[in-house]
Protein backbone atom coordinates (compact mmCIF):
# COMPACT_ATOMS: atom_id res chain seq x y z
CA MET A 1 0.00 0.00 0.00
CA LEU A 2 1.10 3.56 -0.64
CA VAL A 3 2.82 5.09 2.40
CA PHE A 4 3.69 8.79 2.69
CA ASN A 5 6.59 10.33 4.58
CA LYS A 6 4.97 13.77 4.76
CA CYS A 7 1.48 15.20 4.46
CA CYS A 8 1.12 17.51 1.43
CA CYS A 9 4.86 17.05 0.67
CA CYS A 10 6.02 19.45 3.39
CA VAL A 11 4.17 18.89 6.69
CA PRO A 12 5.08 16.05 9.08
CA LEU A 13 2.43 13.35 9.30
CA ARG A 14 1.42 14.13 12.88
CA GLN A 15 0.79 17.82 12.16
CA GLY A 16 -0.97 16.87 8.93
CA CYS A 17 -3.28 14.56 10.86
CA ILE A 18 -4.04 17.32 13.36
CA ILE A 19 -4.86 19.76 10.57
CA MET A 20 -6.97 17.17 8.75
CA GLY A 21 -8.87 16.33 11.95
CA TYR A 22 -9.82 19.97 12.55
CA VAL A 23 -10.72 20.46 8.88
CA MET A 24 -12.92 17.33 8.94
CA ILE A 25 -14.84 18.59 11.95
CA LEU A 26 -15.20 22.16 10.69
CA LEU A 27 -16.30 21.13 7.20
CA SER A 28 -18.84 18.68 8.59
CA PHE A 29 -20.38 21.33 10.85
CA HIS A 30 -20.40 23.75 7.91
CA GLU A 31 -22.16 21.20 5.69
CA ILE A 32 -24.77 20.50 8.38
CA TYR A 33 -25.36 24.25 8.77
CA TRP A 34 -25.63 24.69 5.00
CA MET A 35 -27.98 21.72 4.69
CA ILE A 36 -30.32 23.02 7.39
CA LEU A 37 -30.48 26.58 6.08
CA TYR A 38 -30.32 26.35 2.31
CA THR A 39 -31.60 23.01 1.06
CA ASP A 40 -35.17 22.92 2.35
CA ALA A 41 -36.96 22.49 -0.97
CA MET A 42 -34.02 21.25 -3.01
CA TYR A 43 -33.59 17.72 -1.61
CA CYS A 44 -35.98 15.14 -0.23
CA SER A 45 -35.83 14.19 3.43
CA ARG A 46 -34.15 10.84 2.66
CA LEU A 47 -31.20 12.57 1.00
CA LYS A 48 -30.94 15.02 3.88
CA LYS A 49 -30.88 12.18 6.41
CA ILE A 50 -28.16 10.35 4.50
CA TRP A 51 -26.07 13.51 4.25
CA PHE A 52 -26.60 14.26 7.96
CA LEU A 53 -25.50 10.71 8.84
CA HIS A 54 -22.43 11.13 6.64
CA ASN A 55 -21.48 14.35 8.43
CA GLN A 56 -22.03 12.83 11.88
CA ILE A 57 -19.70 9.95 11.01
CA LYS A 58 -17.18 12.42 9.56
CA ILE A 59 -17.22 14.37 12.85
CA LEU A 60 -16.58 11.12 14.73
CA ALA A 61 -13.67 10.35 12.37
CA GLY A 62 -12.23 13.82 12.99
CA VAL A 63 -12.48 13.44 16.77
CA LEU A 64 -10.78 10.03 16.62
CA LEU A 65 -8.03 11.46 14.43
CA LEU A 66 -7.45 14.38 16.80
CA ALA A 67 -7.34 12.06 19.81
CA CYS A 68 -4.73 9.89 18.10
CA ALA A 69 -2.66 12.75 16.72
CA HIS A 70 -2.54 14.76 19.95
CA ASN A 71 -1.50 11.74 22.03
CA PRO A 72 0.17 9.26 19.64
CA GLN A 73 2.07 7.30 22.29
CA THR A 74 -1.05 5.97 24.01
CA MET A 75 -3.84 6.34 21.42
CA THR A 76 -2.29 4.70 18.35
CA PHE A 77 -4.64 1.74 18.67
CA LEU A 78 -7.53 4.02 17.60
CA LEU A 79 -6.03 4.78 14.17
CA PRO A 80 -7.35 1.60 12.46
CA LEU A 81 -10.79 2.38 13.91
CA GLN A 82 -10.51 5.91 12.50
CA ILE A 83 -9.70 4.49 9.07
CA VAL A 84 -12.76 2.20 9.22
CA VAL A 85 -15.00 5.10 10.33
CA ASN A 86 -13.61 7.31 7.56
CA LEU A 87 -14.19 4.62 4.93
CA THR A 88 -17.73 4.13 6.26
CA SER A 89 -18.40 7.83 5.75
CA LEU A 90 -16.98 7.49 2.24
CA ILE A 91 -19.42 4.66 1.45
CA ILE A 92 -22.34 6.73 2.75
CA GLU A 93 -21.14 9.70 0.70
CA LEU A 94 -20.98 7.52 -2.42
CA ILE A 95 -24.54 6.32 -1.74
CA PHE A 96 -25.67 9.94 -1.36
CA TYR A 97 -24.13 11.02 -4.65
CA LEU A 98 -25.50 7.92 -6.39
CA LEU A 99 -29.02 8.74 -5.20
CA LEU A 100 -28.55 12.39 -6.08
CA SER A 101 -27.41 11.61 -9.61
CA SER A 102 -30.21 9.08 -10.15
CA ASN A 103 -32.77 11.87 -9.61
CA ASP A 104 -31.08 14.25 -12.06
CA LEU A 105 -30.67 16.78 -9.27
CA ILE A 106 -26.92 17.09 -9.46
CA PRO A 107 -25.47 20.17 -11.20
CA TRP A 108 -21.93 20.16 -12.56
CA SER A 109 -20.62 22.06 -9.53
CA ALA A 110 -21.95 19.38 -7.16
CA ALA A 111 -20.37 16.70 -9.33
CA LEU A 112 -17.04 18.51 -9.06
CA LEU A 113 -17.52 18.90 -5.30
CA SER A 114 -18.25 15.18 -4.95
CA PHE A 115 -15.10 14.28 -6.89
CA LEU A 116 -12.98 16.57 -4.69
CA SER A 117 -14.60 15.29 -1.49
CA ILE A 118 -14.02 11.65 -2.40
CA GLY A 119 -10.41 12.43 -3.34
CA TRP A 120 -9.89 14.28 -0.02
CA THR A 121 -11.25 11.28 1.90
CA VAL A 122 -9.04 8.77 0.09
CA TYR A 123 -5.99 11.00 0.59
CA GLY A 124 -6.88 11.35 4.27
CA VAL A 125 -7.08 7.58 4.68
CA LEU A 126 -3.64 7.20 3.09
CA VAL A 127 -2.13 9.88 5.36
CA VAL A 128 -3.66 8.30 8.48
CA TYR A 129 -2.43 4.87 7.39
CA SER A 130 1.06 6.32 6.86
CA PHE A 131 0.93 7.92 10.31
CA PHE A 132 -0.12 4.56 11.77
CA GLN A 133 2.80 2.83 10.04
CA GLU A 134 5.18 5.50 11.35
CA MET A 135 3.88 5.10 14.91
CA ASP A 136 3.91 1.30 14.66
CA HIS A 137 7.67 1.21 13.99
């Protein structure tokens, strides 16, 4: 599997995980806020529930990542759980975008956003896995 030495080519893995944890939490709260305020008539309640579940799981993944990155000597055992939680949120996100595209509700900007979000999640999993490998040795 692909293992990185640095996050974003210049930041050590631990600091990269801390930054990614905070970004995960902040983006998830922002998406929940945006969903509550601006998407009342745009999406059905089923899509909103799936997206809300995705963001709740993403917040949990961010909290796990922050716990592991702030205290790596004693919390390293939580990193595989964080990877599983993050991949679960990715699966829910893929289901959301699949349902969204099946209803012809997805504009090109949302398709671009979905591609970037999925890429961010996969990159995050690789960085966390690399951090786990670094802490394991």
